[in-house]
C-alpha atoms as a PDB file:
ATOM      1  CA  MET A   1      20.616 -77.780  26.412  1.00  0.00           C
ATOM      2  CA  MET A   2      23.117 -77.546  23.614  1.00  0.00           C
ATOM      3  CA  THR A   3      24.093 -80.837  21.679  1.00  0.00           C
ATOM      4  CA  ASP A   4      27.982 -80.104  21.840  1.00  0.00           C
ATOM      5  CA  GLY A   5      27.820 -79.163  25.652  1.00  0.00           C
ATOM      6  CA  ALA A   6      28.093 -75.583  25.217  1.00  0.00           C
ATOM      7  CA  PRO A   7      26.272 -73.689  27.833  1.00  0.00           C
ATOM      8  CA  GLU A   8      23.034 -72.346  26.937  1.00  0.00           C
ATOM      9  CA  THR A   9      23.317 -68.182  27.272  1.00  0.00           C
ATOM     10  CA  ARG A  10      20.378 -65.538  26.678  1.00  0.00           C
ATOM     11  CA  GLU A  11      21.641 -64.628  23.367  1.00  0.00           C
ATOM     12  CA  THR A  12      21.814 -68.401  22.058  1.00  0.00           C
ATOM     13  CA  ALA A  13      18.708 -69.415  23.890  1.00  0.00           C
ATOM     14  CA  GLU A  14      16.400 -66.874  22.461  1.00  0.00           C
ATOM     15  CA  ALA A  15      17.945 -67.039  18.865  1.00  0.00           C
ATOM     16  CA  PRO A  16      15.117 -68.599  16.559  1.00  0.00           C
ATOM     17  CA  GLY A  17      16.250 -71.226  14.124  1.00  0.00           C
ATOM     18  CA  PRO A  18      16.762 -70.805  10.281  1.00  0.00           C
ATOM     19  CA  ASP A  19      13.044 -71.455   9.661  1.00  0.00           C
ATOM     20  CA  GLY A  20      11.462 -69.021  11.946  1.00  0.00           C
ATOM     21  CA  GLN A  21      11.260 -71.595  14.911  1.00  0.00           C
ATOM     22  CA  ASP A  22      11.555 -70.355  18.406  1.00  0.00           C
ATOM     23  CA  ASP A  23      13.631 -72.253  21.120  1.00  0.00           C
ATOM     24  CA  ASP A  24      10.700 -74.437  22.281  1.00  0.00           C
ATOM     25  CA  GLN A  25      10.693 -75.764  18.410  1.00  0.00           C
ATOM     26  CA  TRP A  26      14.216 -75.807  17.612  1.00  0.00           C
ATOM     27  CA  PRO A  27      16.895 -76.370  19.948  1.00  0.00           C
ATOM     28  CA  PHE A  28      19.925 -75.520  18.185  1.00  0.00           C
ATOM     29  CA  TYR A  29      21.672 -72.150  18.586  1.00  0.00           C
ATOM     30  CA  ARG A  30      23.026 -70.135  16.053  1.00  0.00           C
ATOM     31  CA  TYR A  31      27.091 -70.831  15.859  1.00  0.00           C
ATOM     32  CA  PRO A  32      29.003 -67.261  16.285  1.00  0.00           C
ATOM     33  CA  ARG A  33      31.576 -66.718  13.748  1.00  0.00           C
ATOM     34  CA  PRO A  34      35.111 -65.381  14.686  1.00  0.00           C
ATOM     35  CA  ARG A  35      35.996 -61.938  14.217  1.00  0.00           C
ATOM     36  CA  PRO A  36      39.251 -61.262  14.524  1.00  0.00           C
ATOM     37  CA  GLY A  37      40.358 -57.943  16.389  1.00  0.00           C
ATOM     38  CA  ARG A  38      37.890 -55.263  17.156  1.00  0.00           C
ATOM     39  CA  ALA A  39      34.792 -55.599  15.071  1.00  0.00           C
ATOM     40  CA  SER A  40      34.604 -52.957  11.680  1.00  0.00           C
ATOM     41  CA  ARG A  41      32.952 -49.672  11.961  1.00  0.00           C
ATOM     42  CA  GLU A  42      30.306 -51.168   9.406  1.00  0.00           C
ATOM     43  CA  GLU A  43      29.729 -53.959  11.686  1.00  0.00           C
ATOM     44  CA  ALA A  44      29.232 -51.852  14.263  1.00  0.00           C
ATOM     45  CA  HIS A  45      26.779 -49.676  12.295  1.00  0.00           C
ATOM     46  CA  GLU A  46      24.899 -52.849  11.187  1.00  0.00           C
ATOM     47  CA  ARG A  47      24.436 -54.091  14.682  1.00  0.00           C
ATOM     48  CA  ARG A  48      22.617 -50.341  15.765  1.00  0.00           C
ATOM     49  CA  ILE A  49      20.404 -50.907  12.371  1.00  0.00           C
ATOM     50  CA  ALA A  50      19.470 -54.506  13.622  1.00  0.00           C
ATOM     51  CA  GLY A  51      18.547 -53.516  17.385  1.00  0.00           C
ATOM     52  CA  HIS A  52      16.409 -50.417  15.776  1.00  0.00           C
ATOM     53  CA  VAL A  53      14.489 -52.750  13.310  1.00  0.00           C
ATOM     54  CA  GLN A  54      14.150 -55.286  15.811  1.00  0.00           C
ATOM     55  CA  LYS A  55      12.455 -52.831  18.364  1.00  0.00           C
ATOM     56  CA  HIS A  56      10.017 -51.806  15.599  1.00  0.00           C
ATOM     57  CA  ARG A  57       9.268 -55.654  14.851  1.00  0.00           C
ATOM     58  CA  ASP A  58       8.623 -56.307  18.669  1.00  0.00           C
ATOM     59  CA  ARG A  59       6.352 -53.371  18.125  1.00  0.00           C
ATOM     60  CA  GLY A  60       4.243 -55.428  15.553  1.00  0.00           C
ATOM     61  CA  ALA A  61       5.436 -52.743  12.750  1.00  0.00           C
ATOM     62  CA  GLN A  62       5.747 -53.849   9.054  1.00  0.00           C
ATOM     63  CA  PRO A  63       8.451 -53.338   6.436  1.00  0.00           C
ATOM     64  CA  PRO A  64       8.737 -50.302   4.564  1.00  0.00           C
ATOM     65  CA  ARG A  65       5.700 -50.827   1.772  1.00  0.00           C
ATOM     66  CA  ARG A  66       8.447 -50.355  -0.945  1.00  0.00           C
ATOM     67  CA  ASP A  67      10.377 -53.483   0.410  1.00  0.00           C
ATOM     68  CA  ARG A  68       7.272 -55.706   1.293  1.00  0.00           C
ATOM     69  CA  GLY A  69       8.395 -57.121  -2.012  1.00  0.00           C
ATOM     70  CA  LEU A  70      11.244 -58.943  -0.928  1.00  0.00           C
ATOM     71  CA  SER A  71      11.474 -62.290   0.394  1.00  0.00           C
ATOM     72  CA  ARG A  72      14.025 -64.533   2.783  1.00  0.00           C
ATOM     73  CA  ASP A  73      14.469 -66.750  -0.095  1.00  0.00           C
ATOM     74  CA  GLU A  74      15.405 -63.827  -2.413  1.00  0.00           C
ATOM     75  CA  ILE A  75      18.302 -62.318  -0.305  1.00  0.00           C
ATOM     76  CA  VAL A  76      19.575 -65.874   0.338  1.00  0.00           C
ATOM     77  CA  LYS A  77      20.162 -66.719  -3.043  1.00  0.00           C
ATOM     78  CA  ALA A  78      21.445 -63.743  -3.806  1.00  0.00           C
ATOM     79  CA  ALA A  79      24.298 -63.871  -1.068  1.00  0.00           C
ATOM     80  CA  ILE A  80      24.771 -67.391  -2.130  1.00  0.00           C
ATOM     81  CA  ALA A  81      25.679 -65.808  -5.517  1.00  0.00           C
ATOM     82  CA  VAL A  82      27.895 -63.253  -4.247  1.00  0.00           C
ATOM     83  CA  ALA A  83      29.949 -65.984  -2.102  1.00  0.00           C
ATOM     84  CA  ASP A  84      30.004 -68.476  -5.065  1.00  0.00           C
ATOM     85  CA  ALA A  85      31.619 -65.355  -7.242  1.00  0.00           C
ATOM     86  CA  GLU A  86      33.798 -63.500  -4.476  1.00  0.00           C
ATOM     87  CA  GLY A  87      33.671 -65.821  -1.018  1.00  0.00           C
ATOM     88  CA  PRO A  88      32.062 -65.450   1.812  1.00  0.00           C
ATOM     89  CA  GLU A  89      34.035 -62.858   3.250  1.00  0.00           C
ATOM     90  CA  ALA A  90      32.603 -60.452   0.450  1.00  0.00           C
ATOM     91  CA  ILE A  91      28.959 -60.972   2.268  1.00  0.00           C
ATOM     92  CA  SER A  92      27.753 -57.716   4.071  1.00  0.00           C
ATOM     93  CA  MET A  93      24.358 -56.908   4.772  1.00  0.00           C
ATOM     94  CA  ARG A  94      25.017 -53.505   2.763  1.00  0.00           C
ATOM     95  CA  ARG A  95      26.352 -55.604  -0.401  1.00  0.00           C
ATOM     96  CA  ILE A  96      23.278 -58.074  -0.311  1.00  0.00           C
ATOM     97  CA  ALA A  97      21.018 -55.149  -0.330  1.00  0.00           C
ATOM     98  CA  ARG A  98      22.546 -53.248  -2.889  1.00  0.00           C
ATOM     99  CA  GLU A  99      22.592 -56.703  -4.819  1.00  0.00           C
ATOM    100  CA  VAL A 100      18.636 -57.195  -4.206  1.00  0.00           C
ATOM    101  CA  GLY A 101      17.872 -53.552  -4.678  1.00  0.00           C
ATOM    102  CA  ALA A 102      16.957 -52.780  -1.028  1.00  0.00           C
ATOM    103  CA  GLY A 103      18.046 -50.741   1.846  1.00  0.00           C
ATOM    104  CA  VAL A 104      19.982 -52.180   4.541  1.00  0.00           C
ATOM    105  CA  MET A 105      17.402 -51.433   6.997  1.00  0.00           C
ATOM    106  CA  SER A 106      14.998 -53.276   4.882  1.00  0.00           C
ATOM    107  CA  LEU A 107      17.084 -56.634   5.241  1.00  0.00           C
ATOM    108  CA  TYR A 108      16.614 -56.384   8.763  1.00  0.00           C
ATOM    109  CA  TRP A 109      13.113 -57.345   8.546  1.00  0.00           C
ATOM    110  CA  TYR A 110      13.934 -60.530   6.973  1.00  0.00           C
ATOM    111  CA  VAL A 111      17.314 -61.776   8.069  1.00  0.00           C
ATOM    112  CA  SER A 112      18.364 -60.392  11.973  1.00  0.00           C
ATOM    113  CA  SER A 113      22.037 -60.507  11.132  1.00  0.00           C
ATOM    114  CA  LYS A 114      24.857 -61.512   8.800  1.00  0.00           C
ATOM    115  CA  GLU A 115      25.324 -64.915  11.095  1.00  0.00           C
ATOM    116  CA  GLU A 116      21.687 -65.792  10.240  1.00  0.00           C
ATOM    117  CA  LEU A 117      22.209 -65.093   6.985  1.00  0.00           C
ATOM    118  CA  LEU A 118      24.999 -67.461   6.556  1.00  0.00           C
ATOM    119  CA  ASP A 119      22.650 -70.318   8.259  1.00  0.00           C
ATOM    120  CA  LEU A 120      20.543 -69.653   5.640  1.00  0.00           C
ATOM    121  CA  MET A 121      22.599 -70.299   3.087  1.00  0.00           C
ATOM    122  CA  LEU A 122      24.019 -73.269   4.521  1.00  0.00           C
ATOM    123  CA  ASN A 123      20.730 -74.680   4.839  1.00  0.00           C
ATOM    124  CA  ALA A 124      19.890 -73.735   1.217  1.00  0.00           C
ATOM    125  CA  ILE A 125      22.914 -75.780   0.014  1.00  0.00           C
ATOM    126  CA  GLU A 126      22.319 -78.771   2.464  1.00  0.00           C
ATOM    127  CA  ALA A 127      18.844 -78.969   0.720  1.00  0.00           C
ATOM    128  CA  GLU A 128      20.728 -79.402  -2.595  1.00  0.00           C
ATOM    129  CA  ILE A 129      22.663 -82.152  -0.940  1.00  0.00           C
ATOM    130  CA  GLU A 130      19.620 -84.218   0.269  1.00  0.00           C
ATOM    131  CA  VAL A 131      20.520 -87.512   1.389  1.00  0.00           C
ATOM    132  CA  PRO A 132      18.160 -90.248  -0.082  1.00  0.00           C
ATOM    133  CA  ASP A 133      16.213 -92.238   1.736  1.00  0.00           C
ATOM    134  CA  PRO A 134      17.252 -95.825   2.477  1.00  0.00           C
ATOM    135  CA  SER A 135      16.968 -97.888  -0.745  1.00  0.00           C
ATOM    136  CA  GLY A 136      17.876-101.071   0.968  1.00  0.00           C
ATOM    137  CA  ASP A 137      21.178-100.972  -0.775  1.00  0.00           C
ATOM    138  CA  TRP A 138      23.393 -99.503   1.354  1.00  0.00           C
ATOM    139  CA  ARG A 139      26.360 -98.700  -1.063  1.00  0.00           C
ATOM    140  CA  ALA A 140      24.114 -97.260  -3.801  1.00  0.00           C
ATOM    141  CA  ASP A 141      22.584 -94.622  -1.219  1.00  0.00           C
ATOM    142  CA  LEU A 142      26.338 -93.588  -0.007  1.00  0.00           C
ATOM    143  CA  GLY A 143      27.361 -93.468  -3.616  1.00  0.00           C
ATOM    144  CA  VAL A 144      24.231 -90.981  -4.346  1.00  0.00           C
ATOM    145  CA  PHE A 145      25.311 -88.768  -1.099  1.00  0.00           C
ATOM    146  CA  ALA A 146      28.802 -88.813  -2.312  1.00  0.00           C
ATOM    147  CA  HIS A 147      27.712 -87.637  -5.624  1.00  0.00           C
ATOM    148  CA  ARG A 148      25.275 -84.946  -4.344  1.00  0.00           C
ATOM    149  CA  THR A 149      27.654 -83.603  -1.816  1.00  0.00           C
ATOM    150  CA  ARG A 150      30.558 -83.450  -4.386  1.00  0.00           C
ATOM    151  CA  GLU A 151      28.140 -81.522  -7.367  1.00  0.00           C
ATOM    152  CA  SER A 152      26.753 -79.346  -4.492  1.00  0.00           C
ATOM    153  CA  LEU A 153      30.238 -78.038  -2.856  1.00  0.00           C
ATOM    154  CA  ARG A 154      31.653 -77.599  -6.358  1.00  0.00           C
ATOM    155  CA  ARG A 155      29.038 -74.968  -6.997  1.00  0.00           C
ATOM    156  CA  HIS A 156      29.686 -73.197  -3.738  1.00  0.00           C
ATOM    157  CA  ARG A 157      33.341 -74.266  -2.903  1.00  0.00           C
ATOM    158  CA  TRP A 158      33.308 -71.478  -0.096  1.00  0.00           C
ATOM    159  CA  ALA A 159      31.221 -73.940   1.839  1.00  0.00           C
ATOM    160  CA  VAL A 160      33.861 -76.666   2.291  1.00  0.00           C
ATOM    161  CA  ASP A 161      34.993 -74.438   5.289  1.00  0.00           C
ATOM    162  CA  PHE A 162      31.540 -75.068   6.816  1.00  0.00           C
ATOM    163  CA  ILE A 163      29.839 -78.248   6.155  1.00  0.00           C
ATOM    164  CA  GLY A 164      30.463 -80.893   8.068  1.00  0.00           C
ATOM    165  CA  SER A 165      32.527 -78.566  10.523  1.00  0.00           C
ATOM    166  CA  ARG A 166      30.295 -78.154  13.314  1.00  0.00           C
ATOM    167  CA  PRO A 167      27.044 -79.927  14.924  1.00  0.00           C
ATOM    168  CA  PRO A 168      23.712 -79.717  12.793  1.00  0.00           C
ATOM    169  CA  SER A 169      21.766 -76.332  13.375  1.00  0.00           C
ATOM    170  CA  THR A 170      19.659 -75.681  10.418  1.00  0.00           C
ATOM    171  CA  PRO A 171      16.747 -78.298   9.489  1.00  0.00           C
ATOM    172  CA  ASN A 172      18.108 -79.323   6.478  1.00  0.00           C
ATOM    173  CA  ASP A 173      21.282 -80.373   8.194  1.00  0.00           C
ATOM    174  CA  VAL A 174      19.534 -82.034  11.011  1.00  0.00           C
ATOM    175  CA  ARG A 175      17.280 -84.044   8.045  1.00  0.00           C
ATOM    176  CA  ASN A 176      20.208 -84.833   6.384  1.00  0.00           C
ATOM    177  CA  LEU A 177      22.160 -86.258   9.355  1.00  0.00           C
ATOM    178  CA  GLU A 178      18.769 -88.366  10.436  1.00  0.00           C
ATOM    179  CA  ARG A 179      18.644 -90.125   7.169  1.00  0.00           C
ATOM    180  CA  LEU A 180      22.255 -90.549   6.976  1.00  0.00           C
ATOM    181  CA  LEU A 181      22.186 -92.257  10.025  1.00  0.00           C
ATOM    182  CA  ALA A 182      19.067 -94.893   8.783  1.00  0.00           C
ATOM    183  CA  LEU A 183      21.086 -95.633   5.691  1.00  0.00           C
ATOM    184  CA  LEU A 184      22.489 -98.654   7.346  1.00  0.00           C
ATOM    185  CA  ASP A 185      19.181 -99.469   8.940  1.00  0.00           C
ATOM    186  CA  GLY A 186      18.376-103.225   8.530  1.00  0.00           C
ATOM    187  CA  LEU A 187      22.516-104.470   8.386  1.00  0.00           C
ATOM    188  CA  GLY A 188      22.474-105.253  12.223  1.00  0.00           C
ATOM    189  CA  VAL A 189      24.722-102.719  12.846  1.00  0.00           C
ATOM    190  CA  GLU A 190      24.457-101.392  16.483  1.00  0.00           C
ATOM    191  CA  ASP A 191      27.796 -99.942  16.957  1.00  0.00           C
ATOM    192  CA  VAL A 192      27.006 -96.094  16.870  1.00  0.00           C
ATOM    193  CA  ARG A 193      30.970 -95.353  16.314  1.00  0.00           C
ATOM    194  CA  LEU A 194      30.794 -97.527  13.601  1.00  0.00           C
ATOM    195  CA  ILE A 195      28.117 -96.292  12.063  1.00  0.00           C
ATOM    196  CA  PHE A 196      29.094 -92.458  12.579  1.00  0.00           C
ATOM    197  CA  GLY A 197      32.455 -93.258  11.362  1.00  0.00           C
ATOM    198  CA  VAL A 198      31.113 -94.549   7.776  1.00  0.00           C
ATOM    199  CA  PHE A 199      29.402 -91.050   7.266  1.00  0.00           C
ATOM    200  CA  MET A 200      32.406 -89.368   8.660  1.00  0.00           C
ATOM    201  CA  THR A 201      34.676 -91.354   6.114  1.00  0.00           C
ATOM    202  CA  VAL A 202      32.509 -90.583   3.190  1.00  0.00           C
ATOM    203  CA  ALA A 203      32.317 -87.014   4.073  1.00  0.00           C
ATOM    204  CA  THR A 204      35.658 -86.614   4.400  1.00  0.00           C
ATOM    205  CA  PHE A 205      36.791 -88.415   1.466  1.00  0.00           C
ATOM    206  CA  VAL A 206      34.346 -85.706  -0.652  1.00  0.00           C
ATOM    207  CA  ILE A 207      35.464 -82.674   0.920  1.00  0.00           C
ATOM    208  CA  GLY A 208      39.229 -83.708   0.432  1.00  0.00           C
ATOM    209  CA  ALA A 209      38.241 -84.644  -3.194  1.00  0.00           C
ATOM    210  CA  VAL A 210      36.513 -81.280  -3.798  1.00  0.00           C
ATOM    211  CA  ILE A 211      39.662 -79.381  -2.278  1.00  0.00           C
ATOM    212  CA  ARG A 212      42.032 -81.832  -4.284  1.00  0.00           C
ATOM    213  CA  GLU A 213      40.072 -80.547  -7.575  1.00  0.00           C
ATOM    214  CA  ALA A 214      40.360 -76.898  -6.807  1.00  0.00           C
ATOM    215  CA  GLN A 215      44.092 -77.191  -6.580  1.00  0.00           C
ATOM    216  CA  GLU A 216      43.600 -78.905 -10.045  1.00  0.00           C
ATOM    217  CA  VAL A 217      42.061 -76.411 -11.628  1.00  0.00           C
ATOM    218  CA  HIS A 218      43.779 -73.552 -10.288  1.00  0.00           C
ATOM    219  CA  PHE A 219      47.149 -75.013 -11.347  1.00  0.00           C
ATOM    220  CA  GLN A 220      45.638 -75.834 -14.770  1.00  0.00           C
ATOM    221  CA  ARG A 221      44.706 -72.078 -14.877  1.00  0.00           C
ATOM    222  CA  GLU A 222      48.432 -71.234 -13.997  1.00  0.00           C
ATOM    223  CA  GLN A 223      49.710 -73.449 -16.640  1.00  0.00           C
ATOM    224  CA  GLU A 224      47.760 -72.482 -19.404  1.00  0.00           C
ATOM    225  CA  ARG A 225      48.351 -68.813 -18.254  1.00  0.00           C
ATOM    226  CA  VAL A 226      52.146 -69.243 -18.863  1.00  0.00           C
ATOM    227  CA  GLU A 227      52.244 -71.604 -21.837  1.00  0.00           C
ATOM    228  CA  ALA A 228      49.943 -69.015 -23.694  1.00  0.00           C
ATOM    229  CA  SER A 229      52.849 -66.998 -24.423  1.00  0.00           C
ATOM    230  CA  LEU A 230      54.775 -70.006 -25.700  1.00  0.00           C
ATOM    231  CA  THR A 231      54.390 -71.699 -29.212  1.00  0.00           C
ATOM    232  CA  PRO A 232      53.131 -75.174 -29.386  1.00  0.00           C
ATOM    233  CA  GLU A 233      56.632 -76.397 -30.118  1.00  0.00           C
ATOM    234  CA  GLU A 234      57.881 -74.512 -27.465  1.00  0.00           C
ATOM    235  CA  VAL A 235      55.748 -75.979 -24.946  1.00  0.00           C
ATOM    236  CA  GLN A 236      56.021 -79.754 -26.551  1.00  0.00           C
ATOM    237  CA  ALA A 237      60.041 -79.152 -26.063  1.00  0.00           C
ATOM    238  CA  GLU A 238      59.606 -78.112 -22.262  1.00  0.00           C
ATOM    239  CA  HIS A 239      57.455 -81.255 -21.722  1.00  0.00           C
ATOM    240  CA  GLU A 240      60.074 -83.369 -23.434  1.00  0.00           C
ATOM    241  CA  ARG A 241      63.015 -81.566 -21.684  1.00  0.00           C
ATOM    242  CA  TYR A 242      61.081 -82.267 -18.334  1.00  0.00           C
ATOM    243  CA  ARG A 243      60.682 -85.835 -19.257  1.00  0.00           C
ATOM    244  CA  ALA A 244      64.531 -86.639 -20.339  1.00  0.00           C
ATOM    245  CA  TRP A 245      65.617 -85.088 -16.867  1.00  0.00           C
ATOM    246  CA  PHE A 246      63.646 -87.853 -14.789  1.00  0.00           C
ATOM    247  CA  GLU A 247      64.554 -90.466 -17.478  1.00  0.00           C
ATOM    248  CA  SER A 248      68.402 -89.451 -17.369  1.00  0.00           C
ATOM    249  CA  ALA A 249      68.854 -88.938 -13.393  1.00  0.00           C
ATOM    250  CA  GLY A 250      68.433 -92.482 -12.918  1.00  0.00           C
ATOM    251  CA  GLU A 251      67.016 -92.035  -9.400  1.00  0.00           C
ATOM    252  CA  PHE A 252      63.144 -92.045 -10.124  1.00  0.00           C
ATOM    253  CA  PRO A 253      62.300 -94.762 -12.056  1.00  0.00           C
ATOM    254  CA  HIS A 254      58.446 -94.683 -11.165  1.00  0.00           C
ATOM    255  CA  ILE A 255      58.024 -91.374 -11.864  1.00  0.00           C
ATOM    256  CA  ALA A 256      59.901 -91.986 -15.217  1.00  0.00           C
ATOM    257  CA  LYS A 257      57.825 -94.760 -16.195  1.00  0.00           C
ATOM    258  CA  LEU A 258      54.576 -92.831 -15.165  1.00  0.00           C
ATOM    259  CA  MET A 259      55.670 -90.107 -17.476  1.00  0.00           C
ATOM    260  CA  LYS A 260      56.717 -92.307 -20.247  1.00  0.00           C
ATOM    261  CA  SER A 261      52.967 -93.975 -19.924  1.00  0.00           C
ATOM    262  CA  GLY A 262      51.528 -90.669 -21.006  1.00  0.00           C
ATOM    263  CA  VAL A 263      49.039 -90.781 -17.908  1.00  0.00           C
ATOM    264  CA  ASP A 264      47.950 -87.120 -16.774  1.00  0.00           C
ATOM    265  CA  PRO A 265      47.187 -88.209 -13.266  1.00  0.00           C
ATOM    266  CA  ASP A 266      45.431 -84.572 -13.034  1.00  0.00           C
ATOM    267  CA  ASP A 267      43.906 -84.814 -16.474  1.00  0.00           C
ATOM    268  CA  PRO A 268      40.520 -82.919 -16.088  1.00  0.00           C
ATOM    269  CA  ASP A 269      38.804 -85.588 -18.660  1.00  0.00           C
ATOM    270  CA  THR A 270      39.280 -88.140 -16.103  1.00  0.00           C
ATOM    271  CA  ARG A 271      38.144 -86.352 -13.309  1.00  0.00           C
ATOM    272  CA  GLU A 272      34.850 -87.785 -12.898  1.00  0.00           C
ATOM    273  CA  GLU A 273      36.574 -91.354 -13.405  1.00  0.00           C
ATOM    274  CA  ARG A 274      39.201 -91.056 -10.950  1.00  0.00           C
ATOM    275  CA  PHE A 275      36.537 -89.538  -8.397  1.00  0.00           C
ATOM    276  CA  GLN A 276      34.049 -92.754  -9.026  1.00  0.00           C
ATOM    277  CA  PHE A 277      37.551 -94.923  -8.413  1.00  0.00           C
ATOM    278  CA  SER A 278      38.384 -93.519  -5.221  1.00  0.00           C
ATOM    279  CA  LEU A 279      34.860 -93.280  -3.955  1.00  0.00           C
ATOM    280  CA  ASP A 280      34.642 -97.304  -4.769  1.00  0.00           C
ATOM    281  CA  CYS A 281      37.736 -97.800  -3.011  1.00  0.00           C
ATOM    282  CA  VAL A 282      36.271 -96.174   0.416  1.00  0.00           C
ATOM    283  CA  LEU A 283      33.173 -98.214  -0.252  1.00  0.00           C
ATOM    284  CA  ASP A 284      35.144-101.213  -0.625  1.00  0.00           C
ATOM    285  CA  GLY A 285      36.995-100.625   2.728  1.00  0.00           C
ATOM    286  CA  ILE A 286      33.635 -99.722   4.278  1.00  0.00           C
ATOM    287  CA  ALA A 287      32.165-103.030   2.969  1.00  0.00           C
ATOM    288  CA  ALA A 288      35.160-104.753   4.725  1.00  0.00           C
ATOM    289  CA  LYS A 289      34.652-103.121   7.839  1.00  0.00           C
ATOM    290  CA  LEU A 290      30.842-104.030   7.983  1.00  0.00           C
ATOM    291  CA  ALA A 291      31.469-107.729   7.120  1.00  0.00           C
ATOM    292  CA  ALA A 292      33.876-107.624   9.981  1.00  0.00           C
ATOM    293  CA  SER A 293      31.256-106.457  12.362  1.00  0.00           C
ATOM    294  CA  GLY A 294      28.834-109.057  11.357  1.00  0.00           C
ATOM    295  CA  ALA A 295      26.644-107.137   9.314  1.00  0.00           C
ATOM    296  CA  ARG A 296      23.667-109.281   7.758  1.00  0.00           C
ATOM    297  CA  THR A 297      24.819-107.904   4.344  1.00  0.00           C
ATOM    298  CA  ALA A 298      27.635-105.790   2.983  1.00  0.00           C
ATOM    299  CA  ARG A 299      26.750-105.405  -0.179  1.00  0.00           C
END
């Protein structure tokens, strides 16, 4: 039975879990990735290779001797490096085989498909996040979870499209969810919707903050590119002209006040401080909700 109500098909029921468990041990199926239009010729070719290798595996054959030094961990690390540099769309079995110096066919002895490879990549990222065991201070624990999630997603920005967007399907994903659900133990909170709402609120905030930071970084690079052709005096004059326009317009007193203060809301040097301020606001709101629910402590 699928946790999200999806019908269990032969394909999903027989798919092993990301750590190699069979379906008796691991009940989650591998989520298919959307494939716009017809499958490319390369994808069709890779599926034929996968089927060929699977037949040999079923007969108990071993990988080619020259590639027995490969490991699943090495393949996953190479794939994550490619995704970090170029995005998940750059991932293909042919590309990763080239990165690890092996033949494409050899990869299929260790990873059955590109979909499984992506699950393994996400499982590795969930291991980086690692929700802490409950310390008795729910606020501190949620803070650790928020900061670890942010740091991991900043290293692997492409994973924002996948983390938290589907029911748990990898071992580390499931372990993290179980630990999250235990962070409010001892507070006397029995409302499952409230408990899950707390974690979704923190996760949604962190993902939004990471996306916002990526936008800031992109704009900063574009601004630096444009200003690279100007002298410092020209840059300063342009900033002054911009500020003077808002002051003389008379319609935007709050923006004019902000600009006069010299505060840069996107200053990269205040990024950590701004994240913590926003996180504290989120946790303050959660504390209020917990107190209103009758929780025994709302630290």
